[in-house]
Amino acid sequence: MKYGNTSRTLSLIFHALIACLFGVLGLYYGIFVTPLWWTAINTAFTNDKVFAFNFNLELAAIGLTMLIISVYGFVQAVKSIIKPDDDNTIVKSFTAFIVEGYIGAVFAIANAAVYFDLLSFGSIPFIVVLGLLIAIVLLIATNIPMVRVFDGRDSKVLLTGLSYGGGLFLGLAALEILFAMVGIWARGDNLIAYNLQVSSILGFSFLGLAIASALAIVAGFIIKKKKDLSLAGVLDSAAIMLVGATIASNGIFDFYFRDAASVHLETADLSYSGLAYPVCAMVFGGLVIAAGVAFLVVTLKDKKKAVASPAH
């Protein structure tokens, strides 16, 4: 037994706190705000469209993701206390923390690089610097315990968790977009200008994120079953490239329809906010695609080495 009662209890407490805090955020924005943002009754819950659609969407996705992962980690922590001689459950609980840290870091980087203008108030340089600092802190706070937890231990639990966690976040974001599209269609009037264009970009984003989510979850399942890890790497690479393509396409859409008044997802009034968002989205999306390609190349090289290596 490597882990004592103190670490198990702390894991339980912190997962409970994260679940409560992010649960309130995710449930509010995921149920009452994002799906209703385009409807005529949105003011019943939001008082007004204070924030851009993308801002509500990302809060819903990150909140619900952290809620679900923390509930899982909480359950594993409870199991670890009930069975103190079994370290597997507490390792799973710690893995949930690590996955949350990586998701939070990627979320902060994305906000610093692309979605820095979602807030209609505040200094953009401050938001960018704050996002980068949060990402750095989360990566440091995540990697230190990760090295200790998986020192001499099979890392497949971690890889499985990362694939599942990424798939969960992307899937929830896709689901929220789908609900928002239903809100547009259900409204059934012409009060939302250019709703065909909005539905088109939301539909493309839904498909891209939904497929990427499915690929990541299947990759996690393959890793968990200890099957062909190279196949899992290919699927994860494809998921990363799809996410990059989705981000870039949003930037292209925003720039192409820059003269349209009511189709932009970065402002509360759907107006064009300038070149910053579309250019950064296209550049960042391209970098994400490049990262997916690099990950694919590394995966295929590792597979080739494994095939070429003589059996022992």
Protein backbone atom coordinates (compact mmCIF):
# COMPACT_ATOMS: atom_id res chain seq x y z
CA MET A 1 0.00 0.00 0.00
CA LYS A 2 1.67 3.18 -1.24
CA TYR A 3 -1.02 5.71 -0.35
CA GLY A 4 -2.29 6.42 3.18
CA ASN A 5 -5.67 7.54 4.45
CA THR A 6 -4.68 11.21 4.29
CA SER A 7 -4.14 11.23 0.53
CA ARG A 8 -7.31 9.24 -0.02
CA THR A 9 -9.38 11.58 2.13
CA LEU A 10 -7.91 14.70 0.51
CA SER A 11 -8.67 13.28 -2.91
CA LEU A 12 -12.27 12.74 -1.88
CA ILE A 13 -12.60 16.28 -0.47
CA PHE A 14 -11.03 18.06 -3.43
CA HIS A 15 -13.05 16.09 -5.97
CA ALA A 16 -16.20 16.97 -4.05
CA LEU A 17 -15.28 20.68 -4.08
CA ILE A 18 -14.46 20.68 -7.80
CA ALA A 19 -17.68 18.83 -8.60
CA CYS A 20 -19.74 21.35 -6.64
CA LEU A 21 -18.05 24.47 -8.03
CA PHE A 22 -17.91 23.41 -11.66
CA GLY A 23 -21.22 21.62 -11.39
CA VAL A 24 -23.04 24.86 -10.64
CA LEU A 25 -21.24 26.55 -13.55
CA GLY A 26 -21.83 23.70 -15.99
CA LEU A 27 -25.45 23.03 -15.12
CA TYR A 28 -26.41 26.71 -15.26
CA TYR A 29 -24.70 27.47 -18.56
CA GLY A 30 -25.28 24.00 -19.99
CA ILE A 31 -29.02 23.80 -19.30
CA PHE A 32 -30.40 27.32 -18.91
CA VAL A 33 -28.10 29.57 -20.94
CA THR A 34 -26.38 27.98 -23.95
CA PRO A 35 -29.33 25.95 -25.31
CA LEU A 36 -31.65 28.93 -24.83
CA TRP A 37 -29.25 31.63 -26.09
CA TRP A 38 -30.90 31.87 -29.50
CA THR A 39 -34.48 31.54 -28.29
CA ALA A 40 -37.01 34.22 -27.47
CA ILE A 41 -37.10 33.14 -23.81
CA ASN A 42 -33.37 33.51 -23.12
CA THR A 43 -33.97 36.63 -21.04
CA ALA A 44 -35.90 34.56 -18.50
CA PHE A 45 -32.60 33.13 -17.31
CA THR A 46 -29.87 35.47 -18.51
CA ASN A 47 -31.60 38.85 -18.11
CA ASP A 48 -29.96 39.77 -21.40
CA LYS A 49 -27.39 38.46 -23.87
CA VAL A 50 -24.55 39.90 -21.83
CA PHE A 51 -21.92 37.50 -23.12
CA ALA A 52 -21.15 36.09 -26.56
CA PHE A 53 -22.46 32.67 -27.51
CA ASN A 54 -18.95 31.17 -27.55
CA PHE A 55 -18.38 32.37 -23.99
CA ASN A 56 -21.51 30.61 -22.73
CA LEU A 57 -20.62 27.51 -24.77
CA GLU A 58 -17.15 27.15 -23.32
CA LEU A 59 -18.36 27.68 -19.75
CA ALA A 60 -21.01 25.01 -20.25
CA ALA A 61 -18.50 22.54 -21.72
CA ILE A 62 -15.74 23.05 -19.13
CA GLY A 63 -18.21 23.08 -16.24
CA LEU A 64 -19.97 19.86 -17.22
CA THR A 65 -16.68 18.15 -18.07
CA MET A 66 -15.11 18.94 -14.70
CA LEU A 67 -18.33 17.91 -12.96
CA ILE A 68 -18.41 14.46 -14.56
CA ILE A 69 -14.69 13.80 -14.14
CA SER A 70 -14.76 14.91 -10.50
CA VAL A 71 -17.77 12.73 -9.74
CA TYR A 72 -15.82 9.80 -11.18
CA GLY A 73 -12.77 10.76 -9.11
CA PHE A 74 -14.94 11.14 -6.00
CA VAL A 75 -16.40 7.65 -6.47
CA GLN A 76 -12.92 6.18 -6.90
CA ALA A 77 -11.74 8.01 -3.77
CA VAL A 78 -14.65 6.55 -1.79
CA LYS A 79 -13.73 3.07 -3.06
CA SER A 80 -10.10 3.64 -2.06
CA ILE A 81 -11.16 4.47 1.50
CA ILE A 82 -13.42 1.42 1.70
CA LYS A 83 -10.58 -0.78 0.39
CA PRO A 84 -7.38 0.77 1.80
CA ASP A 85 -5.22 -2.14 0.63
CA ASP A 86 -6.06 -1.48 -3.04
CA ASP A 87 -4.04 1.32 -4.65
CA ASN A 88 -5.69 0.98 -8.07
CA THR A 89 -8.75 2.99 -7.08
CA ILE A 90 -6.79 5.90 -5.60
CA VAL A 91 -4.57 5.94 -8.68
CA LYS A 92 -7.71 6.29 -10.80
CA SER A 93 -8.84 9.12 -8.53
CA PHE A 94 -5.49 10.89 -8.92
CA THR A 95 -5.64 10.30 -12.67
CA ALA A 96 -8.92 12.22 -12.72
CA PHE A 97 -7.07 15.20 -11.19
CA ILE A 98 -4.36 14.93 -13.85
CA VAL A 99 -6.90 14.79 -16.68
CA GLU A 100 -8.69 17.82 -15.23
CA GLY A 101 -5.38 19.68 -15.05
CA TYR A 102 -4.55 19.02 -18.70
CA ILE A 103 -8.05 19.93 -19.87
CA GLY A 104 -7.91 23.12 -17.81
CA ALA A 105 -4.48 23.99 -19.23
CA VAL A 106 -5.59 23.47 -22.84
CA PHE A 107 -8.74 25.47 -22.09
CA ALA A 108 -6.65 28.36 -20.70
CA ILE A 109 -4.25 28.29 -23.67
CA ALA A 110 -7.16 28.36 -26.12
CA ASN A 111 -8.65 31.37 -24.34
CA ALA A 112 -5.29 33.16 -24.35
CA ALA A 113 -4.62 32.41 -28.02
CA VAL A 114 -8.08 32.66 -29.63
CA TYR A 115 -10.99 33.47 -27.35
CA PHE A 116 -9.43 36.43 -25.51
CA ASP A 117 -12.08 38.86 -26.78
CA LEU A 118 -15.11 37.00 -25.45
CA LEU A 119 -15.46 39.36 -22.52
CA SER A 120 -16.78 42.76 -23.52
CA PHE A 121 -14.89 44.36 -20.64
CA GLY A 122 -11.37 44.14 -19.30
CA SER A 123 -7.94 44.37 -20.87
CA ILE A 124 -7.17 41.88 -23.64
CA PRO A 125 -3.43 41.74 -22.80
CA PHE A 126 -4.39 40.97 -19.19
CA ILE A 127 -6.67 38.13 -20.31
CA VAL A 128 -3.94 36.70 -22.58
CA VAL A 129 -1.27 36.84 -19.88
CA LEU A 130 -3.65 35.47 -17.27
CA GLY A 131 -4.61 32.56 -19.54
CA LEU A 132 -0.96 31.67 -20.15
CA LEU A 133 -0.11 31.89 -16.45
CA ILE A 134 -3.04 29.66 -15.52
CA ALA A 135 -1.98 27.13 -18.15
CA ILE A 136 1.62 27.09 -16.87
CA VAL A 137 0.53 26.70 -13.25
CA LEU A 138 -1.87 23.89 -14.14
CA LEU A 139 0.75 22.04 -16.18
CA ILE A 140 3.29 22.29 -13.36
CA ALA A 141 0.73 21.28 -10.74
CA THR A 142 -0.33 18.37 -12.95
CA ASN A 143 3.01 17.00 -14.10
CA ILE A 144 4.68 16.84 -10.68
CA PRO A 145 2.08 14.46 -9.15
CA MET A 146 1.78 12.62 -12.47
CA VAL A 147 5.46 11.66 -12.36
CA ARG A 148 5.14 10.47 -8.78
CA VAL A 149 1.92 8.56 -9.28
CA PHE A 150 3.06 6.73 -12.40
CA ASP A 151 6.66 6.15 -11.38
CA GLY A 152 7.13 2.43 -12.06
CA ARG A 153 3.44 2.00 -12.87
CA ASP A 154 1.74 1.21 -16.17
CA SER A 155 0.80 4.52 -17.82
CA LYS A 156 -2.11 3.05 -19.78
CA VAL A 157 -4.49 4.24 -17.05
CA LEU A 158 -3.29 7.79 -17.64
CA LEU A 159 -3.43 7.57 -21.43
CA THR A 160 -6.91 6.09 -21.24
CA GLY A 161 -8.04 8.88 -18.93
CA LEU A 162 -6.63 11.60 -21.19
CA SER A 163 -8.38 10.16 -24.26
CA TYR A 164 -11.66 9.76 -22.41
CA GLY A 165 -11.39 13.21 -20.84
CA GLY A 166 -10.67 14.92 -24.14
CA GLY A 167 -13.47 12.99 -25.81
CA LEU A 168 -15.84 13.95 -23.01
CA PHE A 169 -15.08 17.66 -23.32
CA LEU A 170 -15.46 17.63 -27.09
CA GLY A 171 -18.64 15.57 -26.89
CA LEU A 172 -20.26 17.90 -24.38
CA ALA A 173 -19.33 20.94 -26.47
CA ALA A 174 -20.87 19.26 -29.53
CA LEU A 175 -24.01 18.41 -27.55
CA GLU A 176 -24.40 22.00 -26.37
CA ILE A 177 -24.05 23.23 -29.96
CA LEU A 178 -26.73 20.77 -31.06
CA PHE A 179 -29.10 21.98 -28.33
CA ALA A 180 -28.43 25.57 -29.40
CA MET A 181 -29.27 24.68 -32.99
CA VAL A 182 -32.53 23.15 -31.83
CA GLY A 183 -33.23 26.49 -30.12
CA ILE A 184 -32.76 28.30 -33.43
CA TRP A 185 -35.00 25.91 -35.33
CA ALA A 186 -37.68 25.89 -32.63
CA ARG A 187 -37.96 29.64 -32.69
CA GLY A 188 -39.45 29.51 -36.17
CA ASP A 189 -39.46 33.20 -37.02
CA ASN A 190 -37.28 35.72 -38.82
CA LEU A 191 -36.20 37.69 -35.79
CA ILE A 192 -32.74 36.09 -35.93
CA ALA A 193 -31.11 37.50 -39.03
CA TYR A 194 -28.97 35.21 -41.18
CA ASN A 195 -29.98 32.13 -39.17
CA LEU A 196 -29.06 29.91 -42.15
CA GLN A 197 -25.43 31.03 -41.95
CA VAL A 198 -25.39 30.62 -38.18
CA SER A 199 -26.94 27.17 -38.41
CA SER A 200 -24.38 26.20 -41.04
CA ILE A 201 -21.31 27.08 -38.97
CA LEU A 202 -22.85 25.59 -35.84
CA GLY A 203 -23.69 22.43 -37.77
CA PHE A 204 -20.15 22.12 -39.10
CA SER A 205 -18.75 22.69 -35.60
CA PHE A 206 -21.10 20.06 -34.19
CA LEU A 207 -20.01 17.47 -36.74
CA GLY A 208 -16.32 18.23 -36.30
CA LEU A 209 -16.41 18.07 -32.51
CA ALA A 210 -18.76 15.08 -32.38
CA ILE A 211 -16.56 13.00 -34.70
CA ALA A 212 -13.41 14.08 -32.83
CA SER A 213 -15.08 13.10 -29.56
CA ALA A 214 -16.00 9.67 -30.90
CA LEU A 215 -12.45 9.10 -32.18
CA ALA A 216 -10.91 10.05 -28.83
CA ILE A 217 -13.30 7.84 -26.85
CA VAL A 218 -12.67 4.86 -29.15
CA ALA A 219 -8.92 5.47 -28.78
CA GLY A 220 -9.31 5.43 -25.00
CA PHE A 221 -11.24 2.16 -25.19
CA ILE A 222 -8.48 0.61 -27.32
CA ILE A 223 -5.81 1.71 -24.85
CA LYS A 224 -7.84 0.39 -21.92
CA LYS A 225 -8.22 -3.00 -23.56
CA LYS A 226 -4.44 -3.00 -24.27
CA LYS A 227 -4.98 -3.60 -27.95
CA ASP A 228 -3.19 -1.88 -30.85
CA LEU A 229 -1.84 1.31 -29.26
CA SER A 230 -0.69 2.59 -32.65
CA LEU A 231 -4.30 2.54 -33.83
CA ALA A 232 -5.28 4.55 -30.75
CA GLY A 233 -2.56 7.05 -31.62
CA VAL A 234 -3.88 7.39 -35.17
CA LEU A 235 -7.40 7.99 -33.87
CA ASP A 236 -6.21 10.59 -31.37
CA SER A 237 -4.21 12.29 -34.13
CA ALA A 238 -7.29 12.45 -36.33
CA ALA A 239 -9.30 13.89 -33.43
CA ILE A 240 -6.69 16.61 -32.85
CA MET A 241 -6.66 17.53 -36.54
CA LEU A 242 -10.46 17.70 -36.61
CA VAL A 243 -10.50 20.05 -33.64
CA GLY A 244 -7.95 22.27 -35.39
CA ALA A 245 -10.02 22.26 -38.57
CA THR A 246 -13.13 23.22 -36.59
CA ILE A 247 -11.38 26.15 -34.92
CA ALA A 248 -9.88 27.34 -38.21
CA SER A 249 -13.22 27.06 -40.01
CA ASN A 250 -14.84 29.26 -37.39
CA GLY A 251 -12.18 31.88 -38.03
CA ILE A 252 -12.66 31.63 -41.80
CA PHE A 253 -16.44 31.95 -41.36
CA ASP A 254 -16.09 34.99 -39.11
CA PHE A 255 -13.78 36.71 -41.61
CA TYR A 256 -15.78 35.77 -44.72
CA PHE A 257 -19.02 37.16 -43.23
CA ARG A 258 -17.33 40.23 -41.73
CA ASP A 259 -19.81 42.51 -43.50
CA ALA A 260 -22.81 40.61 -42.11
CA ALA A 261 -24.23 42.12 -38.93
CA SER A 262 -25.76 39.15 -37.14
CA VAL A 263 -23.70 35.98 -37.58
CA HIS A 264 -20.65 36.38 -35.34
CA LEU A 265 -20.32 34.16 -32.27
CA GLU A 266 -17.68 36.22 -30.44
CA THR A 267 -19.89 39.15 -29.52
CA ALA A 268 -23.13 39.38 -27.58
CA ASP A 269 -24.83 41.38 -30.35
CA LEU A 270 -23.53 39.04 -33.11
CA SER A 271 -21.63 41.91 -34.73
CA TYR A 272 -18.16 41.68 -36.26
CA SER A 273 -15.46 42.44 -33.70
CA GLY A 274 -12.45 42.91 -36.01
CA LEU A 275 -9.58 40.82 -37.34
CA ALA A 276 -8.18 39.57 -34.04
CA TYR A 277 -10.48 36.58 -33.57
CA PRO A 278 -10.65 35.23 -37.15
CA VAL A 279 -6.89 35.57 -37.73
CA CYS A 280 -5.99 34.00 -34.38
CA ALA A 281 -8.54 31.22 -34.92
CA MET A 282 -7.10 30.39 -38.34
CA VAL A 283 -3.50 30.48 -37.08
CA PHE A 284 -4.21 28.53 -33.89
CA GLY A 285 -6.38 26.03 -35.76
CA GLY A 286 -3.56 25.51 -38.24
CA LEU A 287 -1.10 24.93 -35.40
CA VAL A 288 -3.45 22.37 -33.84
CA ILE A 289 -3.70 20.58 -37.19
CA ALA A 290 0.10 20.60 -37.43
CA ALA A 291 0.31 19.16 -33.91
CA GLY A 292 -2.07 16.38 -34.93
CA VAL A 293 0.06 15.62 -37.99
CA ALA A 294 3.23 15.56 -35.86
CA PHE A 295 1.57 13.22 -33.37
CA LEU A 296 0.53 10.96 -36.25
CA VAL A 297 4.08 10.87 -37.65
CA VAL A 298 5.51 9.97 -34.24
CA THR A 299 2.87 7.26 -33.81
CA LEU A 300 3.62 5.69 -37.19
CA LYS A 301 7.37 5.83 -36.54
CA ASP A 302 6.91 4.11 -33.18
CA LYS A 303 4.79 1.44 -34.84
CA LYS A 304 7.43 0.91 -37.51
CA LYS A 305 10.15 0.55 -34.88
CA ALA A 306 8.02 -1.91 -32.91
CA VAL A 307 7.48 -4.05 -36.02
CA ALA A 308 11.17 -3.89 -36.95
CA SER A 309 12.39 -4.76 -33.45
CA PRO A 310 13.14 -8.48 -32.94
CA ALA A 311 10.95 -10.34 -30.46
CA HIS A 312 12.56 -11.20 -27.13
